[in-house]
Protein backbone atom coordinates (compact mmCIF):
# COMPACT_ATOMS: atom_id res chain seq x y z
CA MET A 1 -10.28 4.53 2.40
CA ILE A 2 -7.14 5.97 3.38
CA VAL A 3 -4.17 4.47 2.50
CA LYS A 4 -0.59 4.90 4.02
CA GLU A 5 2.75 3.10 3.21
CA ASN A 6 5.33 2.14 5.60
CA PRO A 7 8.41 0.55 3.96
CA ILE A 8 10.15 -1.79 6.34
CA SER A 9 13.26 -2.72 3.83
CA SER A 10 13.96 -3.28 0.26
CA GLN A 11 12.35 -6.94 0.45
CA TYR A 12 9.68 -6.36 2.69
CA HIS A 13 6.64 -3.56 2.95
CA GLN A 14 3.67 -2.80 5.10
CA VAL A 15 0.81 -0.68 3.95
CA TYR A 16 -2.11 0.83 6.62
CA PHE A 17 -5.55 1.08 5.67
CA THR A 18 -7.98 3.01 7.16
CA LEU A 19 -11.99 2.29 6.38
CA SER A 20 -14.66 4.78 7.27
CA ILE A 21 -17.97 3.76 9.16
CA SER A 22 -19.69 4.04 5.66
CA THR A 23 -17.24 1.85 4.08
CA VAL A 24 -17.41 -1.03 6.61
CA ASN A 25 -21.09 -0.61 6.61
CA LYS A 26 -21.39 -0.98 2.96
CA VAL A 27 -18.89 -4.25 2.95
CA PHE A 28 -21.43 -5.74 5.81
CA ASP A 29 -24.60 -5.38 3.28
CA ASP A 30 -22.58 -6.38 0.14
CA VAL A 31 -21.86 -9.76 1.93
CA ILE A 32 -25.32 -10.17 3.38
CA THR A 33 -27.05 -9.47 -0.02
CA GLU A 34 -24.83 -11.67 -1.82
CA ARG A 35 -25.36 -14.36 0.84
CA GLY A 36 -28.92 -14.07 1.34
CA PHE A 37 -28.84 -14.02 5.12
CA THR A 38 -32.13 -13.48 6.56
CA LYS A 39 -32.52 -11.25 9.82
CA LYS A 40 -32.62 -14.45 11.93
CA GLU A 41 -29.64 -15.90 10.30
CA GLN A 42 -27.71 -13.00 10.70
CA GLU A 43 -28.34 -13.01 14.35
CA LYS A 44 -26.95 -16.56 14.57
CA LYS A 45 -24.13 -16.41 12.16
CA GLN A 46 -22.36 -13.40 13.16
CA LYS A 47 -19.31 -15.27 13.46
CA LEU A 48 -19.19 -16.44 10.01
CA ILE A 49 -20.62 -12.95 8.46
CA THR A 50 -17.44 -10.94 10.56
CA LYS A 51 -15.45 -13.65 8.58
CA LEU A 52 -17.05 -13.02 5.18
CA VAL A 53 -16.46 -9.30 5.79
CA MET A 54 -12.78 -9.88 6.46
CA GLU A 55 -12.15 -11.65 3.11
CA LYS A 56 -14.01 -9.10 1.28
CA ILE A 57 -12.08 -6.67 2.54
CA GLU A 58 -8.85 -8.11 1.99
CA ASP A 59 -9.57 -9.79 -1.32
CA ASP A 60 -11.34 -7.24 -2.80
CA LEU A 61 -10.54 -3.60 -1.44
CA ILE A 62 -6.96 -3.89 -0.25
CA GLU A 63 -5.99 -6.04 -3.26
CA GLY A 64 -7.32 -3.59 -5.42
CA GLU A 65 -5.46 -0.87 -3.64
CA LEU A 66 -2.20 -2.70 -3.58
CA GLU A 67 -2.33 -2.63 -7.43
CA LYS A 68 -2.14 0.82 -7.47
CA ILE A 69 1.39 1.21 -5.65
CA GLU A 70 4.69 1.13 -6.90
CA LYS A 71 5.65 -1.84 -4.98
CA ILE A 72 5.10 -5.30 -6.62
CA PRO A 73 3.68 -7.79 -3.79
CA ILE A 74 5.32 -11.43 -3.79
CA CYS A 75 3.71 -14.23 -2.19
CA THR A 76 1.55 -14.40 0.57
CA ARG A 77 -0.19 -11.48 2.67
CA LYS A 78 -0.18 -10.86 6.69
CA TYR A 79 -3.16 -8.80 7.85
CA ARG A 80 -3.53 -7.48 11.14
CA TYR A 81 -7.06 -5.88 12.46
CA LEU A 82 -5.90 -3.23 15.13
CA THR A 83 -9.72 -2.43 15.54
CA GLU A 84 -12.99 -4.89 15.83
CA VAL A 85 -14.64 -5.68 12.53
CA LYS A 86 -17.99 -4.65 13.16
CA ARG A 87 -20.64 -2.48 11.71
CA ASP A 88 -20.86 1.53 12.77
CA ASN A 89 -17.06 1.37 13.42
CA PRO A 90 -14.29 2.48 11.60
CA LEU A 91 -11.41 -0.16 10.88
CA LEU A 92 -7.49 -0.13 10.61
CA VAL A 93 -6.12 -2.82 8.84
CA ILE A 94 -2.50 -3.60 8.50
CA CYS A 95 -1.03 -5.52 5.48
CA GLN A 96 2.70 -6.73 5.47
CA PHE A 97 3.74 -8.88 2.59
CA CYS A 98 7.24 -9.44 0.64
CA VAL A 99 7.97 -7.12 -2.39
CA LEU A 100 10.01 -7.65 -5.51
CA SER A 101 13.50 -5.94 -4.61
CA PRO A 102 15.78 -4.25 -7.12
CA GLU A 103 18.66 -6.05 -4.87
CA VAL A 104 17.71 -9.27 -6.04
CA LYS A 105 19.13 -9.97 -8.90
CA ILE A 106 18.24 -13.32 -11.32
CA LYS A 107 20.57 -15.28 -13.10
CA PHE A 108 20.13 -17.44 -16.19
CA PRO A 109 21.95 -20.24 -17.68
CA PRO A 110 23.09 -20.23 -21.10
CA ILE A 111 20.84 -22.86 -22.31
CA VAL A 112 18.74 -25.38 -20.71
CA PRO A 113 19.68 -29.04 -21.24
CA LEU A 114 17.41 -30.74 -23.43
CA GLU A 115 16.89 -33.76 -20.79
CA LEU A 116 14.65 -31.21 -19.14
CA LEU A 117 12.09 -31.59 -21.91
CA GLN A 118 11.50 -35.00 -21.73
CA VAL A 119 7.91 -35.79 -20.64
CA PRO A 120 7.69 -39.16 -18.64
CA PHE A 121 4.71 -41.17 -18.69
CA ILE A 122 2.98 -39.72 -21.83
CA LYS A 123 1.19 -42.78 -22.86
CA ASP A 124 -0.13 -43.55 -19.27
CA VAL A 125 -1.64 -39.57 -19.45
CA VAL A 126 -3.16 -40.28 -22.97
CA GLN A 127 -4.72 -43.41 -21.61
CA ASP A 128 -6.03 -42.08 -18.29
CA PHE A 129 -7.46 -38.93 -19.85
CA THR A 130 -9.12 -40.86 -22.73
CA ASP A 131 -10.69 -43.14 -19.82
CA ASN A 132 -12.08 -40.24 -18.13
CA ILE A 133 -13.41 -38.41 -21.16
CA LEU A 134 -15.16 -41.43 -22.18
CA VAL A 135 -16.44 -42.23 -18.87
CA GLN A 136 -17.80 -38.43 -18.64
CA ASN A 137 -19.47 -38.85 -22.15
CA ASN A 138 -21.35 -42.24 -21.03
CA PHE A 139 -19.02 -44.67 -23.17
CA PHE A 140 -18.54 -47.28 -20.89
CA GLY A 141 -20.33 -50.47 -19.55
CA GLU A 142 -19.85 -52.41 -16.57
CA GLU A 143 -19.08 -56.45 -16.08
CA GLU A 144 -19.36 -58.44 -13.17
CA VAL A 145 -16.39 -59.75 -11.36
CA MET A 146 -16.07 -62.36 -8.99
CA ARG A 147 -13.50 -60.04 -6.30
CA ALA A 148 -13.83 -56.53 -5.71
CA THR A 149 -10.35 -54.73 -6.45
CA ASN A 150 -9.81 -50.79 -6.36
CA ASP A 151 -11.65 -50.19 -9.25
CA SER A 152 -14.89 -51.73 -8.68
CA ILE A 153 -18.35 -50.46 -8.04
CA VAL A 154 -19.89 -52.65 -5.22
CA THR A 155 -23.61 -52.93 -4.82
CA TYR A 156 -24.75 -53.80 -1.36
CA ASP A 157 -27.84 -53.96 1.42
CA LEU A 158 -27.38 -52.27 4.74
CA SER A 159 -28.79 -53.13 7.81
CA TYR A 160 -28.75 -52.20 11.39
CA VAL A 161 -28.70 -55.22 13.38
CA GLN A 162 -29.39 -54.99 17.35
CA GLU A 163 -28.47 -58.84 18.42
CA ASP A 164 -30.92 -61.18 16.23
CA PHE A 165 -33.06 -58.39 15.57
CA LYS A 166 -32.86 -55.90 12.30
CA LEU A 167 -33.74 -52.24 13.42
CA SER A 168 -33.71 -50.99 9.58
CA GLU A 169 -32.58 -51.97 5.86
CA VAL A 170 -31.56 -49.80 2.99
CA SER A 171 -31.55 -51.91 -0.27
CA ASN A 172 -29.38 -51.45 -3.26
CA LEU A 173 -26.76 -48.73 -2.07
CA THR A 174 -23.14 -48.84 -4.00
CA VAL A 175 -19.80 -47.80 -3.05
CA ASP A 176 -16.98 -47.18 -5.88
CA LEU A 177 -13.79 -48.54 -4.57
CA GLY A 178 -11.90 -46.28 -7.15
CA LYS A 179 -12.93 -43.24 -4.82
CA GLN A 180 -11.27 -44.34 -1.93
CA GLU A 181 -13.70 -43.25 0.54
CA GLU A 182 -13.10 -44.35 4.04
CA GLU A 183 -14.97 -47.44 3.71
CA SER A 184 -14.05 -48.52 0.34
CA ILE A 185 -11.13 -50.37 2.17
CA LEU A 186 -14.07 -52.52 3.95
CA PHE A 187 -14.95 -54.05 0.76
CA ILE A 188 -11.53 -54.84 -0.90
CA ASN A 189 -11.52 -58.70 -1.77
CA CYS A 190 -14.97 -59.22 -1.16
CA GLN A 191 -17.30 -61.23 -3.02
CA LYS A 192 -20.96 -61.59 -3.77
CA ASP A 193 -23.02 -62.41 -0.76
CA ASP A 194 -20.15 -61.76 1.56
CA ILE A 195 -21.62 -60.10 4.87
CA ILE A 196 -19.39 -57.34 6.25
CA ASN A 197 -19.43 -55.71 9.60
CA LEU A 198 -19.01 -52.11 8.75
CA ASP A 199 -19.44 -50.34 12.22
CA GLU A 200 -21.04 -51.20 15.78
CA SER A 201 -21.72 -48.83 18.40
CA ASP A 202 -24.33 -49.49 21.50
CA ASN A 203 -24.81 -52.99 20.68
CA VAL A 204 -26.04 -51.91 17.07
CA LYS A 205 -24.18 -53.30 14.31
CA VAL A 206 -23.92 -51.77 11.18
CA ILE A 207 -23.88 -54.61 8.36
CA ALA A 208 -23.40 -54.56 4.60
CA LYS A 209 -24.55 -57.71 2.71
CA VAL A 210 -22.86 -57.81 -0.85
CA LYS A 211 -25.30 -58.37 -4.09
CA GLY A 212 -22.86 -57.82 -6.70
CA ILE A 213 -19.51 -56.72 -8.00
CA HIS A 214 -18.95 -54.77 -11.23
CA ARG A 215 -16.08 -53.05 -13.17
CA MET A 216 -16.45 -50.22 -15.17
CA VAL A 217 -15.37 -50.78 -18.74
CA VAL A 218 -14.81 -47.94 -21.03
CA GLN A 219 -15.64 -48.63 -24.60
CA GLU A 220 -12.82 -48.35 -27.55
CA LEU A 221 -11.83 -45.30 -28.67
CA THR A 222 -12.88 -44.72 -32.47
CA ASP A 223 -13.21 -41.51 -34.95
CA ASP A 224 -17.10 -42.00 -34.51
CA ILE A 225 -16.66 -41.42 -30.92
CA VAL A 226 -13.99 -38.69 -31.18
CA ILE A 227 -16.15 -36.77 -33.15
CA LYS A 228 -19.11 -37.01 -30.79
CA ILE A 229 -16.85 -36.20 -27.86
CA ASN A 230 -15.82 -33.05 -29.76
CA PHE A 231 -13.00 -32.21 -27.77
CA LEU A 232 -10.87 -29.24 -29.06
CA ASN A 233 -12.33 -29.97 -32.82
CA THR A 234 -10.56 -33.49 -32.92
CA LYS A 235 -11.83 -35.71 -35.67
CA THR A 236 -9.73 -38.91 -35.22
CA VAL A 237 -8.08 -41.21 -32.65
CA SER A 238 -4.70 -40.43 -33.90
CA GLU A 239 -5.57 -36.09 -33.83
CA PHE A 240 -7.41 -36.86 -29.95
CA LYS A 241 -4.16 -38.73 -28.59
CA LYS A 242 -1.76 -36.06 -30.39
CA LYS A 243 -3.34 -33.23 -29.10
CA ILE A 244 -3.71 -34.84 -25.45
CA GLU A 245 0.35 -35.21 -25.70
CA ASP A 246 0.85 -32.18 -27.25
CA ILE A 247 -1.33 -30.17 -24.44
CA PHE A 248 0.78 -32.07 -21.72
CA THR A 249 3.93 -31.74 -22.93
CA PHE A 250 3.68 -28.32 -22.89
CA SER A 251 2.44 -27.89 -19.65
CA THR A 252 4.60 -29.85 -18.22
CA ASN A 253 7.73 -28.32 -20.26
CA SER A 254 6.51 -24.42 -18.92
CA ILE A 255 6.54 -25.68 -15.45
CA ALA A 256 9.74 -27.88 -15.65
CA LEU A 257 11.48 -24.71 -16.95
CA ILE A 258 10.37 -22.35 -14.02
CA ASN A 259 11.36 -25.46 -11.52
CA TYR A 260 14.86 -25.58 -13.42
CA LEU A 261 15.62 -21.87 -13.39
CA THR A 262 14.70 -22.02 -9.41
CA ASP A 263 17.01 -24.53 -8.52
CA PHE A 264 19.64 -22.90 -11.08
CA ASN A 265 19.43 -19.42 -8.97
CA ILE A 266 19.37 -21.24 -5.55
CA MET A 267 22.41 -23.23 -6.33
CA ALA A 268 24.18 -19.97 -7.49
CA GLU A 269 23.44 -18.75 -3.78
CA ASP A 270 23.33 -14.84 -4.88
CA ILE A 271 19.70 -14.68 -3.40
CA VAL A 272 19.79 -13.91 0.39
CA PHE A 273 16.18 -12.87 1.97
CA ASP A 274 16.52 -10.84 4.72
CA ASP A 275 15.12 -11.33 8.26
CA TYR A 276 11.95 -9.24 7.63
CA VAL A 277 11.20 -11.71 4.98
CA LYS A 278 12.18 -14.70 7.13
CA SER A 279 9.69 -13.85 10.19
CA HIS A 280 6.75 -13.16 7.85
CA PHE A 281 6.93 -16.86 6.82
CA LEU A 282 8.36 -18.50 10.30
CA ASP A 283 6.32 -16.72 12.92
CA ASN A 284 3.26 -18.62 12.79
CA ASN A 285 1.66 -21.62 13.72
CA VAL A 286 2.58 -23.66 10.63
CA ALA A 287 5.96 -23.23 10.95
CA PRO A 288 7.68 -26.35 12.23
CA LYS A 289 9.67 -25.96 15.91
CA LYS A 290 12.53 -28.15 15.49
CA LYS A 291 15.53 -26.47 13.98
CA LYS A 292 15.90 -29.41 11.44
CA ASP A 293 12.53 -29.23 10.25
CA LEU A 294 12.30 -25.03 10.17
CA ASP A 295 15.53 -25.35 8.00
CA MET A 296 13.43 -27.83 5.58
CA TYR A 297 10.69 -25.71 5.76
CA PHE A 298 12.31 -22.25 5.12
CA LYS A 299 13.89 -24.35 1.98
CA GLU A 300 10.74 -24.74 0.72
CA ILE A 301 9.57 -21.27 1.04
CA LYS A 302 12.75 -20.10 -0.79
CA LYS A 303 11.87 -22.09 -3.49
CA GLU A 304 8.56 -20.43 -3.73
CA LEU A 305 10.02 -16.84 -3.53
CA VAL A 306 12.80 -17.54 -5.67
CA LYS A 307 10.44 -18.79 -8.24
CA GLU A 308 7.90 -15.91 -7.89
CA TYR A 309 10.74 -13.38 -8.28
CA ILE A 310 11.64 -15.03 -11.47
CA ILE A 311 7.83 -14.97 -12.98
CA MET A 312 7.31 -11.30 -11.89
CA VAL A 313 11.04 -9.98 -12.85
CA ILE A 314 10.48 -11.39 -16.46
CA ASN A 315 6.60 -10.60 -16.60
CA LEU A 316 7.75 -6.77 -16.02
CA ASN A 317 9.13 -7.04 -19.42
CA TYR A 318 6.28 -8.54 -21.57
CA MET A 319 3.31 -6.35 -19.76
CA ASP A 320 2.71 -4.73 -22.98
CA GLU A 321 3.09 -7.76 -25.16
CA GLU A 322 0.28 -10.22 -26.28
CA PRO A 323 0.77 -13.45 -24.44
CA ARG A 324 2.26 -15.90 -27.19
CA PHE A 325 1.04 -19.02 -25.63
CA LEU A 326 -2.43 -18.09 -25.03
CA ASN A 327 -3.96 -20.74 -27.14
CA ASN A 328 -1.88 -23.41 -25.35
CA ILE A 329 -3.40 -21.96 -21.87
CA LEU A 330 -6.85 -22.30 -23.23
CA GLU A 331 -6.55 -25.96 -24.22
CA GLU A 332 -4.70 -26.75 -21.13
CA TYR A 333 -8.10 -25.64 -19.24
CA GLU A 334 -10.04 -27.85 -21.29
CA PHE A 335 -7.75 -30.59 -20.62
CA ASP A 336 -7.85 -29.87 -17.09
CA LYS A 337 -11.64 -29.81 -16.89
CA ILE A 338 -11.65 -33.43 -17.99
CA SER A 339 -8.82 -34.70 -15.99
CA PHE A 340 -10.30 -33.32 -12.68
CA ASN A 341 -13.73 -34.48 -13.62
CA THR A 342 -14.98 -30.95 -13.80
CA PRO A 343 -16.46 -30.79 -17.13
CA THR A 344 -18.55 -27.92 -17.03
CA ARG A 345 -16.30 -25.60 -14.50
CA ILE A 346 -16.07 -22.24 -15.12
CA ASP A 347 -15.15 -20.94 -11.74
CA SER A 348 -11.59 -19.72 -11.44
CA TYR A 349 -11.39 -19.36 -15.01
CA GLN A 350 -9.59 -16.11 -15.46
CA GLU A 351 -7.39 -16.57 -12.59
CA TYR A 352 -6.42 -19.67 -14.24
CA ILE A 353 -5.50 -18.07 -17.87
CA THR A 354 -4.05 -15.11 -15.72
CA LYS A 355 -1.75 -17.54 -13.73
CA ARG A 356 -0.51 -19.68 -16.83
CA ILE A 357 -0.01 -16.44 -18.80
CA PHE A 358 2.76 -15.21 -16.17
CA GLU A 359 4.03 -18.90 -15.86
CA THR A 360 4.67 -19.05 -19.80
CA ARG A 361 6.11 -15.63 -20.08
CA VAL A 362 9.17 -17.29 -18.67
CA LEU A 363 9.14 -19.71 -21.50
CA GLU A 364 8.91 -16.66 -24.02
CA TYR A 365 11.65 -15.14 -22.29
CA CYS A 366 13.87 -17.82 -22.69
CA ILE A 367 12.99 -18.61 -26.17
CA ASP A 368 13.83 -15.14 -27.37
CA ASN A 369 17.12 -14.96 -25.37
CA GLY A 370 18.14 -18.54 -26.76
CA ILE A 371 17.98 -20.19 -23.57
CA ILE A 372 15.77 -22.76 -24.93
CA LYS A 373 14.27 -23.91 -28.48
CA GLU A 374 10.63 -23.10 -29.11
CA PRO A 375 8.36 -25.92 -28.85
CA ASN A 376 7.08 -27.39 -32.12
């Protein structure tokens, strides 16, 4: 691969990538092997294969090369393909992106106000997490209720009816109203034996007859259940709840700190982005057309840019040090798996850890410089 840099401004950069025929063919081969496409599927799914090839070129090859250049990319990349993406054809791609500029100076307050570290709704968070982990470990039962609410599970028989003739029927289906699926709203406030018209098309009605309504009830958390759940080696109810409070407090405070520093720098009005940076985000189909909406849109973009500037500038000073809060981050990951109902999740693990290491470096910097007190 031939790589040629073309600086546009101190804040904006572009790089030309030239891929040989053999490199392009190898990417095609890798995508087909990884996805297991048969020859017949390759003929039918050419557009999908081309899209996957472009993603692999961008995510693997180009990102790998960007790590080698002296410039530090910030936020999203824009790609322009100057030649057609196909086998037996060399490829020329331009990658454009914002960069960390030496002209942009980050400011820090002398101290962060203590009110920032107050975490609201902590009891609700503990209760929601406890309910989730109990359900995921089958520590729950069901109780029958008279009327369906948004936390009910409704059992029903489904019928397809044309005039007075029943075309077909499916028995004992369930809908969890807590998941807020499209049909859920039709079951809210229903009672046993109610008939609900779900749909009608070409004189065929789709009808649900309610057979039963239940509500999930979690068991009371005990020391014995805590031991069986084995969340981060907690042994008692008090240990378990304290662990959840600590994880959520640390996570919330580390993000709140970044947001505060971002707002502090935006209020100072010392950071000005050039027209190339603005065009990168505004010259696309996503940006709104009306000036008022466009100004609001770029205001949010600017927040993200400043936030990433803060994170990257601080991380440049900590690259050779071991992350101080790695254990907190690993606990956060386990917390999120339960919170988002993915207890066996392993995908994106390294991406998650790396992202949070970068974010918590800001906390490290503020502690080291007396801007904030170290969490207990």
